[in-house]
Amino acid sequence: MRARFWHLGLALAITLAAAGGASGQSYPNRTIRIVVPYAPGGGVSVYANLISGKLSEIVKQSVVVENRPGAGGNVGSDVVAKSPPDGYTVLLHTSALASAGPLYKSLPFDPIKDFAPVTNVVHTQMIVSGSLKSTATTLPELIAEAKAKPGTLNYASSGLGSSLHLFAEIFKNSAGVDILHIPYRGDAPMITAMIAGDVQMAFLPQATGQAAIQGGRVRALAVTGRTRMPQLSDTPTLLELGIKGLEGGSWTGMWMPATTPPEIVLGSQQAMAQVLADPMVAERFRSFGAEPSSNTPAQFAAQFKADVALFADIIEKAKIPKLD
């Protein structure tokens, strides 16, 4: 194992030195900024903070996390798209970036053309969660209540166009219910709204949803995916409850501005591969219910383009209106 890491580290050092050769300086030689397009305290922030410490050790530079929430992740994404393509500004975003193009009428950036995919970071299931103040204690009960009183129940998301919003809309279409959407600026305020009873349900990332459920703040109603979560073994999958179309989960990945030198992109991916292979980091991710899943820039680019097409098809079939 040590030999494997030594060879990977040597390859990374050679790659990064080559990337800096044109300017006469090695990369990186100053602070790297990871932009999280959601509010602090959410799942992506948890991942970013977990990554930043180990990445800093590997690249021998400071790595800071900057939260830039707004517009379902589009504000932070735009910050990175318009940043200098020098490898010092990185976007850590969810699969919501793949749905942004087909979901919005217009964007200040092009999700495919304006970013250089670096690597997938983790895959995760989602948890359908309910407010403890709701009279519905199971998902079938909530669905029955929603059908009996159309348009009176609310669900939260971490922002318009976020993966949580999109998954909830697919759920509404599959379950045949009319539940109103209330967007928030991240996972933390969304969970706060559920605790207060302002909303009755939400799709939550495992990282924050599992902690909120185990902390007794919200109720687990179901999980996405084809199998139950080991951490919430008593919670049924949506498939078990007859809700189809949500067998997958979500993923979080890393991008740089589009014209970032390929050598820097590749070197950064190799550094992240080391981060995700570290046993302590991997165990922390798994404790959140997230599975580390690094891949190459080319593989991640193919994955991303496939999901853009997939989400476009889902949005059309679910008749989700374009957002302003």
Protein backbone atom coordinates (compact mmCIF):
# COMPACT_ATOMS: atom_id res chain seq x y z
CA MET A 1 0.00 0.00 0.00
CA ARG A 2 2.82 2.43 0.89
CA ALA A 3 4.57 1.64 -2.40
CA ARG A 4 1.37 2.40 -4.30
CA PHE A 5 1.01 5.79 -2.65
CA TRP A 6 4.71 6.57 -3.20
CA HIS A 7 4.42 5.92 -6.94
CA LEU A 8 1.18 7.92 -7.14
CA GLY A 9 2.76 10.78 -5.26
CA LEU A 10 5.83 10.73 -7.53
CA ALA A 11 3.63 10.80 -10.63
CA LEU A 12 1.67 13.69 -9.15
CA ALA A 13 4.84 15.65 -8.40
CA ILE A 14 6.13 15.15 -11.95
CA THR A 15 2.77 16.16 -13.45
CA LEU A 16 2.46 19.28 -11.33
CA ALA A 17 6.05 20.31 -12.01
CA ALA A 18 5.39 19.97 -15.74
CA ALA A 19 2.25 22.08 -15.38
CA GLY A 20 4.24 24.88 -13.81
CA GLY A 21 7.09 24.68 -16.28
CA ALA A 22 5.68 27.26 -18.68
CA SER A 23 5.49 29.92 -15.99
CA GLY A 24 8.74 28.95 -14.31
CA GLN A 25 6.91 28.12 -11.11
CA SER A 26 5.59 24.84 -9.79
CA TYR A 27 1.88 24.36 -9.16
CA PRO A 28 0.53 24.87 -6.60
CA ASN A 29 2.49 27.66 -4.96
CA ARG A 30 -0.33 29.43 -3.12
CA THR A 31 -3.71 28.85 -1.49
CA ILE A 32 -6.30 26.75 -3.34
CA ARG A 33 -9.94 27.76 -2.94
CA ILE A 34 -12.72 25.14 -2.95
CA VAL A 35 -16.00 26.91 -3.77
CA VAL A 36 -19.11 25.23 -2.34
CA PRO A 37 -22.26 26.64 -4.00
CA TYR A 38 -24.42 25.98 -0.93
CA ALA A 39 -24.73 27.40 2.58
CA PRO A 40 -22.38 26.26 5.38
CA GLY A 41 -23.49 23.17 7.29
CA GLY A 42 -24.84 21.29 4.28
CA GLY A 43 -23.66 17.99 2.85
CA VAL A 44 -21.29 19.50 0.28
CA SER A 45 -19.73 21.69 2.97
CA VAL A 46 -19.17 18.60 5.12
CA TYR A 47 -17.41 16.92 2.19
CA ALA A 48 -15.33 20.01 1.38
CA ASN A 49 -14.12 20.42 4.94
CA LEU A 50 -13.21 16.73 5.08
CA ILE A 51 -11.29 16.96 1.80
CA SER A 52 -9.49 20.24 2.40
CA GLY A 53 -7.28 19.13 5.28
CA LYS A 54 -5.92 16.02 3.58
CA LEU A 55 -5.57 17.77 0.21
CA SER A 56 -3.55 20.50 1.90
CA GLU A 57 -1.16 17.86 3.27
CA ILE A 58 -0.69 16.33 -0.17
CA VAL A 59 -0.15 19.51 -2.22
CA LYS A 60 1.77 21.30 0.56
CA GLN A 61 -0.40 24.43 0.31
CA SER A 62 -3.37 25.85 2.19
CA VAL A 63 -6.77 24.72 0.94
CA VAL A 64 -9.71 26.88 2.03
CA VAL A 65 -13.46 26.31 1.67
CA GLU A 66 -15.61 29.22 0.51
CA ASN A 67 -19.42 28.97 0.59
CA ARG A 68 -21.18 30.91 -2.18
CA PRO A 69 -24.85 29.86 -1.98
CA GLY A 70 -27.71 30.99 -4.18
CA ALA A 71 -29.91 30.04 -7.15
CA GLY A 72 -29.69 26.30 -6.57
CA GLY A 73 -25.90 26.33 -6.76
CA ASN A 74 -25.66 28.58 -9.81
CA VAL A 75 -24.13 31.55 -7.98
CA GLY A 76 -21.10 29.58 -6.79
CA SER A 77 -20.81 27.78 -10.10
CA ASP A 78 -20.66 31.11 -11.93
CA VAL A 79 -17.90 32.31 -9.60
CA VAL A 80 -15.73 29.35 -10.63
CA ALA A 81 -16.65 29.52 -14.32
CA LYS A 82 -15.42 33.13 -14.43
CA SER A 83 -12.32 32.59 -12.27
CA PRO A 84 -8.80 32.55 -13.75
CA PRO A 85 -8.10 29.08 -15.20
CA ASP A 86 -4.98 28.61 -13.10
CA GLY A 87 -6.00 25.72 -10.85
CA TYR A 88 -6.47 27.81 -7.73
CA THR A 89 -10.29 27.95 -7.82
CA VAL A 90 -12.15 24.64 -7.69
CA LEU A 91 -15.87 23.91 -7.70
CA LEU A 92 -17.26 21.16 -5.47
CA HIS A 93 -20.83 20.60 -6.61
CA THR A 94 -23.49 17.91 -6.80
CA SER A 95 -25.25 16.33 -9.76
CA ALA A 96 -27.42 19.47 -9.69
CA LEU A 97 -24.89 21.01 -12.08
CA ALA A 98 -25.92 18.36 -14.63
CA SER A 99 -29.58 19.41 -14.34
CA ALA A 100 -28.94 23.17 -14.43
CA GLY A 101 -28.81 23.46 -18.22
CA PRO A 102 -32.12 21.72 -18.99
CA LEU A 103 -33.82 23.18 -15.90
CA TYR A 104 -33.14 26.92 -16.30
CA LYS A 105 -34.31 29.22 -19.07
CA SER A 106 -30.89 30.84 -19.10
CA LEU A 107 -27.63 30.59 -17.16
CA PRO A 108 -24.64 32.93 -16.89
CA PHE A 109 -22.44 29.93 -17.72
CA ASP A 110 -22.56 26.76 -19.81
CA PRO A 111 -22.36 23.67 -17.55
CA ILE A 112 -20.45 21.68 -20.18
CA LYS A 113 -18.41 24.29 -22.06
CA ASP A 114 -17.34 26.49 -19.13
CA PHE A 115 -15.93 23.79 -16.82
CA ALA A 116 -13.14 21.24 -16.92
CA PRO A 117 -14.30 18.09 -15.07
CA VAL A 118 -11.64 16.96 -12.60
CA THR A 119 -13.08 13.93 -10.80
CA ASN A 120 -16.10 12.38 -9.20
CA VAL A 121 -15.68 12.51 -5.43
CA VAL A 122 -18.49 10.45 -3.85
CA HIS A 123 -21.74 8.71 -4.64
CA THR A 124 -24.56 8.80 -2.12
CA GLN A 125 -28.17 7.87 -1.60
CA MET A 126 -30.79 10.38 -0.53
CA ILE A 127 -33.11 10.19 2.45
CA VAL A 128 -36.77 11.16 2.24
CA SER A 129 -37.26 12.88 5.58
CA GLY A 130 -40.32 14.13 7.41
CA SER A 131 -40.99 16.70 10.09
CA LEU A 132 -41.59 15.36 13.59
CA LYS A 133 -44.44 17.87 13.81
CA SER A 134 -46.25 16.24 10.89
CA THR A 135 -49.12 13.87 11.69
CA ALA A 136 -47.82 11.53 8.96
CA THR A 137 -45.26 9.15 10.46
CA THR A 138 -44.69 7.07 7.33
CA LEU A 139 -44.37 7.94 3.65
CA PRO A 140 -47.63 6.15 2.71
CA GLU A 141 -49.40 8.25 5.36
CA LEU A 142 -47.85 11.45 3.98
CA ILE A 143 -48.85 10.50 0.43
CA ALA A 144 -52.41 9.78 1.57
CA GLU A 145 -52.59 13.15 3.33
CA ALA A 146 -51.21 14.93 0.26
CA LYS A 147 -53.81 13.28 -1.97
CA ALA A 148 -56.61 14.13 0.47
CA LYS A 149 -55.51 17.79 0.69
CA PRO A 150 -53.82 18.72 -2.62
CA GLY A 151 -51.56 21.77 -2.50
CA THR A 152 -51.59 22.12 1.29
CA LEU A 153 -48.38 20.28 2.23
CA ASN A 154 -44.91 21.71 1.68
CA TYR A 155 -41.56 20.20 0.87
CA ALA A 156 -38.16 21.85 1.19
CA SER A 157 -35.12 21.79 -1.04
CA SER A 158 -31.66 23.33 -0.89
CA GLY A 159 -32.52 25.64 -3.76
CA LEU A 160 -34.26 25.90 -7.10
CA GLY A 161 -32.74 23.42 -9.50
CA SER A 162 -30.80 21.54 -6.85
CA SER A 163 -30.71 17.77 -7.05
CA LEU A 164 -32.93 17.68 -3.96
CA HIS A 165 -35.52 19.79 -5.78
CA LEU A 166 -35.34 17.65 -8.89
CA PHE A 167 -35.62 14.36 -7.00
CA ALA A 168 -38.65 15.68 -5.09
CA GLU A 169 -40.34 16.68 -8.34
CA ILE A 170 -39.75 13.19 -9.74
CA PHE A 171 -41.25 11.81 -6.51
CA LYS A 172 -44.34 14.04 -6.87
CA ASN A 173 -44.87 12.84 -10.43
CA SER A 174 -44.39 9.17 -9.54
CA ALA A 175 -46.55 9.30 -6.40
CA GLY A 176 -49.23 11.46 -8.02
CA VAL A 177 -49.25 14.12 -5.31
CA ASP A 178 -49.41 17.93 -5.29
CA ILE A 179 -46.96 19.25 -2.66
CA LEU A 180 -45.68 22.82 -2.74
CA HIS A 181 -41.97 23.53 -3.12
CA ILE A 182 -40.21 25.89 -0.70
CA PRO A 183 -36.54 26.45 -1.61
CA TYR A 184 -33.91 27.31 1.00
CA ARG A 185 -30.28 28.36 0.71
CA GLY A 186 -28.73 25.05 1.68
CA ASP A 187 -29.29 21.93 3.79
CA ALA A 188 -29.02 23.56 7.22
CA PRO A 189 -31.90 26.07 6.83
CA MET A 190 -33.95 23.36 5.13
CA ILE A 191 -33.57 21.05 8.13
CA THR A 192 -34.36 23.95 10.48
CA ALA A 193 -37.61 24.50 8.57
CA MET A 194 -38.53 20.83 9.00
CA ILE A 195 -37.78 20.97 12.72
CA ALA A 196 -40.06 24.01 13.01
CA GLY A 197 -42.80 22.27 11.05
CA ASP A 198 -42.79 24.87 8.26
CA VAL A 199 -42.40 22.02 5.76
CA GLN A 200 -43.58 18.44 6.04
CA MET A 201 -40.90 16.65 4.02
CA ALA A 202 -37.66 16.94 2.08
CA PHE A 203 -35.11 14.86 0.24
CA LEU A 204 -31.86 15.13 2.19
CA PRO A 205 -28.30 14.10 1.34
CA GLN A 206 -27.06 11.22 3.48
CA ALA A 207 -24.33 13.32 5.08
CA THR A 208 -26.74 15.75 6.71
CA GLY A 209 -29.92 13.64 6.66
CA GLN A 210 -28.44 10.72 8.55
CA ALA A 211 -27.08 13.01 11.27
CA ALA A 212 -30.40 14.85 11.63
CA ILE A 213 -32.33 11.58 11.86
CA GLN A 214 -29.97 9.93 14.32
CA GLY A 215 -30.01 13.15 16.34
CA GLY A 216 -33.79 12.92 16.65
CA ARG A 217 -34.44 16.15 14.74
CA VAL A 218 -36.33 14.75 11.74
CA ARG A 219 -37.94 11.45 10.76
CA ALA A 220 -36.71 8.96 8.14
CA LEU A 221 -39.49 8.04 5.70
CA ALA A 222 -37.64 6.28 2.87
CA VAL A 223 -34.33 6.14 1.01
CA THR A 224 -33.46 6.23 -2.68
CA GLY A 225 -31.42 3.44 -4.20
CA ARG A 226 -32.18 -0.21 -4.81
CA THR A 227 -31.20 -1.43 -1.34
CA ARG A 228 -31.68 -0.13 2.18
CA MET A 229 -28.99 1.91 3.88
CA PRO A 230 -27.10 -0.14 6.50
CA GLN A 231 -27.14 2.92 8.77
CA LEU A 232 -30.97 3.14 8.52
CA SER A 233 -31.84 -0.51 8.05
CA ASP A 234 -35.44 -0.06 9.26
CA THR A 235 -36.16 2.57 6.61
CA PRO A 236 -37.68 1.20 3.37
CA THR A 237 -36.54 2.13 -0.11
CA LEU A 238 -38.89 4.09 -2.35
CA LEU A 239 -39.01 1.02 -4.60
CA GLU A 240 -40.36 -1.06 -1.72
CA LEU A 241 -43.13 1.53 -1.36
CA GLY A 242 -43.98 1.42 -5.06
CA ILE A 243 -42.33 4.73 -6.01
CA LYS A 244 -40.24 4.31 -9.17
CA GLY A 245 -37.73 6.49 -10.96
CA LEU A 246 -35.52 7.22 -7.96
CA GLU A 247 -33.45 4.06 -7.82
CA GLY A 248 -30.23 6.00 -8.16
CA GLY A 249 -28.78 8.53 -5.82
CA SER A 250 -26.66 11.59 -6.14
CA TRP A 251 -22.99 12.30 -6.60
CA THR A 252 -20.61 15.11 -5.80
CA GLY A 253 -17.79 16.06 -8.12
CA MET A 254 -15.03 18.57 -8.73
CA TRP A 255 -14.51 21.00 -11.61
CA MET A 256 -12.12 23.80 -12.62
CA PRO A 257 -12.62 26.61 -15.15
CA ALA A 258 -12.75 25.28 -18.72
CA THR A 259 -9.36 26.39 -20.01
CA THR A 260 -7.35 25.22 -17.01
CA PRO A 261 -4.22 23.46 -18.37
CA PRO A 262 -4.84 19.71 -18.72
CA GLU A 263 -1.69 18.99 -16.70
CA ILE A 264 -3.10 20.89 -13.73
CA VAL A 265 -6.48 19.15 -14.08
CA LEU A 266 -4.82 15.73 -14.19
CA GLY A 267 -2.48 16.52 -11.31
CA SER A 268 -5.41 17.72 -9.20
CA GLN A 269 -7.33 14.53 -9.98
CA GLN A 270 -4.35 12.45 -8.89
CA ALA A 271 -4.11 14.42 -5.65
CA MET A 272 -7.82 13.85 -5.02
CA ALA A 273 -7.37 10.13 -5.71
CA GLN A 274 -4.86 10.09 -2.85
CA VAL A 275 -7.26 12.01 -0.61
CA LEU A 276 -10.13 9.59 -1.27
CA ALA A 277 -7.92 6.50 -0.89
CA ASP A 278 -6.75 7.59 2.55
CA PRO A 279 -8.33 5.09 5.01
CA MET A 280 -9.33 7.74 7.55
CA VAL A 281 -10.93 9.99 4.93
CA ALA A 282 -12.72 7.05 3.29
CA GLU A 283 -14.05 5.87 6.64
CA ARG A 284 -15.34 9.35 7.47
CA PHE A 285 -17.16 9.51 4.14
CA ARG A 286 -18.67 6.08 4.71
CA SER A 287 -19.81 7.12 8.18
CA PHE A 288 -21.94 9.72 6.37
CA GLY A 289 -23.25 7.04 4.03
CA ALA A 290 -21.18 8.33 1.11
CA GLU A 291 -18.92 6.10 -0.95
CA PRO A 292 -15.63 7.59 -2.23
CA SER A 293 -15.51 7.14 -6.00
CA SER A 294 -12.66 8.88 -7.79
CA ASN A 295 -12.32 8.62 -11.56
CA THR A 296 -10.23 10.26 -14.27
CA PRO A 297 -11.09 13.62 -15.86
CA ALA A 298 -12.12 11.84 -19.07
CA GLN A 299 -14.31 9.35 -17.20
CA PHE A 300 -15.91 12.10 -15.13
CA ALA A 301 -16.55 14.20 -18.25
CA ALA A 302 -18.35 11.25 -19.87
CA GLN A 303 -20.35 10.61 -16.68
CA PHE A 304 -21.31 14.28 -16.46
CA LYS A 305 -22.47 14.53 -20.09
CA ALA A 306 -24.52 11.34 -19.72
CA ASP A 307 -26.26 12.76 -16.65
CA VAL A 308 -26.99 16.06 -18.41
CA ALA A 309 -28.86 14.04 -21.05
CA LEU A 310 -30.55 11.90 -18.39
CA PHE A 311 -31.79 14.89 -16.37
CA ALA A 312 -33.02 16.63 -19.51
CA ASP A 313 -35.14 13.57 -20.27
CA ILE A 314 -36.45 13.39 -16.68
CA ILE A 315 -37.32 17.10 -16.61
CA GLU A 316 -39.23 16.76 -19.88
CA LYS A 317 -41.13 13.65 -18.80
CA ALA A 318 -41.97 15.09 -15.37
CA LYS A 319 -43.12 18.33 -17.07
CA ILE A 320 -40.98 20.43 -14.75
CA PRO A 321 -41.27 24.05 -15.95
CA LYS A 322 -38.13 25.98 -16.83
CA LEU A 323 -36.92 28.22 -14.04
CA ASP A 324 -36.03 31.90 -14.47
